[in-house]
C-alpha cells in the first residue's frame, strides 16, 4: 500500500498532465513534451562521450 502511494506521488505530475490533455483536448502538447524529454535525455546521456562536439554544433 505504501509503495502505491509513493508511486502515485512520484508520477503525480505525469497523471495530472495526462488528465489536462484529456479534459482540455490539448493532444498537440504530447509530441512536443515527448520531443523535449528525449532531447534532454540525449544531451545528458552523451555529455561526456565522443559525440559531444557533434551535438554542440547542432545548437
N, C-alpha and C. Protein backbone atom coordinates (compact mmCIF):
# COMPACT_ATOMS: atom_id res chain seq x y z
N UNK A 1 0.82 -1.19 0.00
CA UNK A 1 0.00 0.00 0.00
C UNK A 1 0.86 1.25 0.00
N UNK A 2 1.94 1.22 0.78
CA UNK A 2 2.83 2.38 0.83
C UNK A 2 3.51 2.61 -0.51
N UNK A 3 3.85 1.51 -1.17
CA UNK A 3 4.52 1.63 -2.46
C UNK A 3 3.62 2.29 -3.49
N UNK A 4 2.35 1.93 -3.45
CA UNK A 4 1.39 2.51 -4.40
C UNK A 4 1.24 4.01 -4.18
N UNK A 5 1.17 4.42 -2.92
CA UNK A 5 1.07 5.85 -2.62
C UNK A 5 2.33 6.59 -3.03
N UNK A 6 3.48 5.96 -2.81
CA UNK A 6 4.75 6.57 -3.18
C UNK A 6 4.85 6.73 -4.70
N UNK A 7 4.42 5.71 -5.44
CA UNK A 7 4.45 5.79 -6.90
C UNK A 7 3.47 6.84 -7.40
N UNK A 8 2.31 6.92 -6.76
CA UNK A 8 1.31 7.92 -7.18
C UNK A 8 1.84 9.32 -6.97
N UNK A 9 2.54 9.54 -5.83
CA UNK A 9 3.13 10.85 -5.58
C UNK A 9 4.24 11.15 -6.58
N UNK A 10 5.02 10.13 -6.90
CA UNK A 10 6.15 10.32 -7.80
C UNK A 10 5.69 10.64 -9.22
N UNK A 11 4.66 9.98 -9.68
CA UNK A 11 4.17 10.18 -11.04
C UNK A 11 2.93 11.06 -11.07
N UNK A 12 2.70 11.81 -10.04
CA UNK A 12 1.54 12.68 -9.96
C UNK A 12 1.51 13.72 -11.04
N UNK A 13 2.65 14.30 -11.34
CA UNK A 13 2.71 15.35 -12.36
C UNK A 13 2.39 14.78 -13.74
N UNK A 14 2.82 13.55 -13.98
CA UNK A 14 2.54 12.92 -15.27
C UNK A 14 1.04 12.64 -15.41
N UNK A 15 0.43 12.13 -14.34
CA UNK A 15 -1.01 11.85 -14.42
C UNK A 15 -1.81 13.15 -14.50
N UNK A 16 -1.37 14.18 -13.80
CA UNK A 16 -2.07 15.47 -13.90
C UNK A 16 -1.95 16.04 -15.31
N UNK A 17 -0.78 15.93 -15.91
CA UNK A 17 -0.59 16.41 -17.28
C UNK A 17 -1.46 15.62 -18.25
N UNK A 18 -1.53 14.30 -18.05
CA UNK A 18 -2.36 13.44 -18.90
C UNK A 18 -3.83 13.85 -18.79
N UNK A 19 -4.30 14.08 -17.56
CA UNK A 19 -5.69 14.48 -17.37
C UNK A 19 -5.95 15.86 -17.98
N UNK A 20 -4.99 16.76 -17.88
CA UNK A 20 -5.13 18.08 -18.50
C UNK A 20 -5.31 17.95 -20.01
N UNK A 21 -4.43 17.13 -20.63
CA UNK A 21 -4.54 16.95 -22.08
C UNK A 21 -5.86 16.29 -22.45
N UNK A 22 -6.31 15.35 -21.64
CA UNK A 22 -7.54 14.62 -21.92
C UNK A 22 -8.77 15.52 -21.80
N UNK A 23 -8.83 16.30 -20.74
CA UNK A 23 -10.01 17.15 -20.50
C UNK A 23 -10.04 18.34 -21.45
N UNK A 24 -8.90 18.99 -21.64
CA UNK A 24 -8.86 20.21 -22.45
C UNK A 24 -8.67 19.94 -23.94
N UNK A 25 -8.48 18.68 -24.31
CA UNK A 25 -8.27 18.28 -25.72
C UNK A 25 -7.03 18.97 -26.32
N UNK A 26 -5.96 18.98 -25.55
CA UNK A 26 -4.70 19.59 -26.00
C UNK A 26 -3.73 18.49 -26.41
N UNK A 27 -4.12 17.63 -27.32
CA UNK A 27 -3.30 16.48 -27.70
C UNK A 27 -2.01 16.90 -28.40
N UNK A 28 -1.95 18.10 -28.93
CA UNK A 28 -0.75 18.55 -29.63
C UNK A 28 0.41 18.78 -28.65
N UNK A 29 0.13 18.88 -27.36
CA UNK A 29 1.20 19.07 -26.38
C UNK A 29 2.02 17.80 -26.16
N UNK A 30 1.41 16.65 -26.37
CA UNK A 30 2.08 15.37 -26.14
C UNK A 30 3.37 15.20 -26.93
N UNK A 31 3.33 15.35 -28.25
CA UNK A 31 4.56 15.19 -29.03
C UNK A 31 5.63 16.23 -28.70
N UNK A 32 5.21 17.44 -28.35
CA UNK A 32 6.17 18.48 -28.01
C UNK A 32 6.92 18.11 -26.72
N UNK A 33 6.16 17.69 -25.71
CA UNK A 33 6.77 17.31 -24.43
C UNK A 33 7.65 16.09 -24.62
N UNK A 34 7.19 15.11 -25.39
CA UNK A 34 7.99 13.90 -25.63
C UNK A 34 9.30 14.24 -26.34
N UNK A 35 9.25 15.12 -27.33
CA UNK A 35 10.46 15.51 -28.05
C UNK A 35 11.44 16.24 -27.13
N UNK A 36 10.91 17.12 -26.28
CA UNK A 36 11.79 17.84 -25.35
C UNK A 36 12.44 16.90 -24.33
N UNK A 37 11.67 15.93 -23.84
CA UNK A 37 12.23 14.96 -22.89
C UNK A 37 13.30 14.11 -23.56
N UNK A 38 13.03 13.65 -24.77
CA UNK A 38 14.01 12.83 -25.49
C UNK A 38 15.27 13.63 -25.81
N UNK A 39 15.11 14.87 -26.21
CA UNK A 39 16.27 15.72 -26.49
C UNK A 39 17.08 15.95 -25.22
N UNK A 40 16.41 16.19 -24.11
CA UNK A 40 17.11 16.38 -22.84
C UNK A 40 17.85 15.13 -22.42
N UNK A 41 17.22 13.97 -22.55
CA UNK A 41 17.90 12.72 -22.22
C UNK A 41 19.10 12.47 -23.12
N UNK A 42 18.94 12.77 -24.39
CA UNK A 42 20.03 12.60 -25.34
C UNK A 42 21.23 13.46 -24.97
N UNK A 43 20.98 14.69 -24.60
CA UNK A 43 22.06 15.60 -24.23
C UNK A 43 22.73 15.14 -22.94
N UNK A 44 21.94 14.73 -21.97
CA UNK A 44 22.50 14.30 -20.68
C UNK A 44 23.31 13.02 -20.84
N UNK A 45 22.80 12.08 -21.60
CA UNK A 45 23.47 10.79 -21.74
C UNK A 45 24.74 10.86 -22.58
N UNK A 46 24.83 11.81 -23.50
CA UNK A 46 26.01 11.90 -24.36
C UNK A 46 26.94 13.04 -23.93
N UNK A 47 26.75 13.55 -22.74
CA UNK A 47 27.51 14.71 -22.28
C UNK A 47 29.02 14.44 -22.24
N UNK A 48 29.42 13.31 -21.74
CA UNK A 48 30.84 13.03 -21.59
C UNK A 48 31.40 12.12 -22.67
N UNK A 49 30.70 11.94 -23.74
CA UNK A 49 31.15 10.98 -24.75
C UNK A 49 31.86 11.69 -25.90
N UNK A 50 32.27 10.91 -26.85
CA UNK A 50 32.95 11.44 -28.03
C UNK A 50 31.97 12.14 -28.97
N UNK A 51 30.68 11.99 -28.75
CA UNK A 51 29.68 12.63 -29.59
C UNK A 51 29.43 14.08 -29.20
N UNK A 52 29.95 14.50 -28.07
CA UNK A 52 29.68 15.85 -27.55
C UNK A 52 30.01 16.96 -28.56
N UNK A 53 31.14 16.94 -29.23
CA UNK A 53 31.41 18.03 -30.19
C UNK A 53 30.40 18.10 -31.33
N UNK A 54 29.87 16.96 -31.73
CA UNK A 54 28.89 16.94 -32.82
C UNK A 54 27.54 17.45 -32.35
N UNK A 55 27.20 17.18 -31.10
CA UNK A 55 25.93 17.65 -30.56
C UNK A 55 25.96 19.17 -30.41
N UNK A 56 27.05 19.71 -29.95
CA UNK A 56 27.14 21.16 -29.74
C UNK A 56 27.06 21.93 -31.05
N UNK A 57 27.45 21.31 -32.15
CA UNK A 57 27.35 22.01 -33.43
C UNK A 57 25.89 22.11 -33.90
N UNK A 58 25.02 21.26 -33.36
CA UNK A 58 23.61 21.32 -33.73
C UNK A 58 22.94 22.56 -33.14
N UNK A 59 23.47 23.06 -32.04
CA UNK A 59 22.85 24.18 -31.37
C UNK A 59 23.69 25.41 -31.58
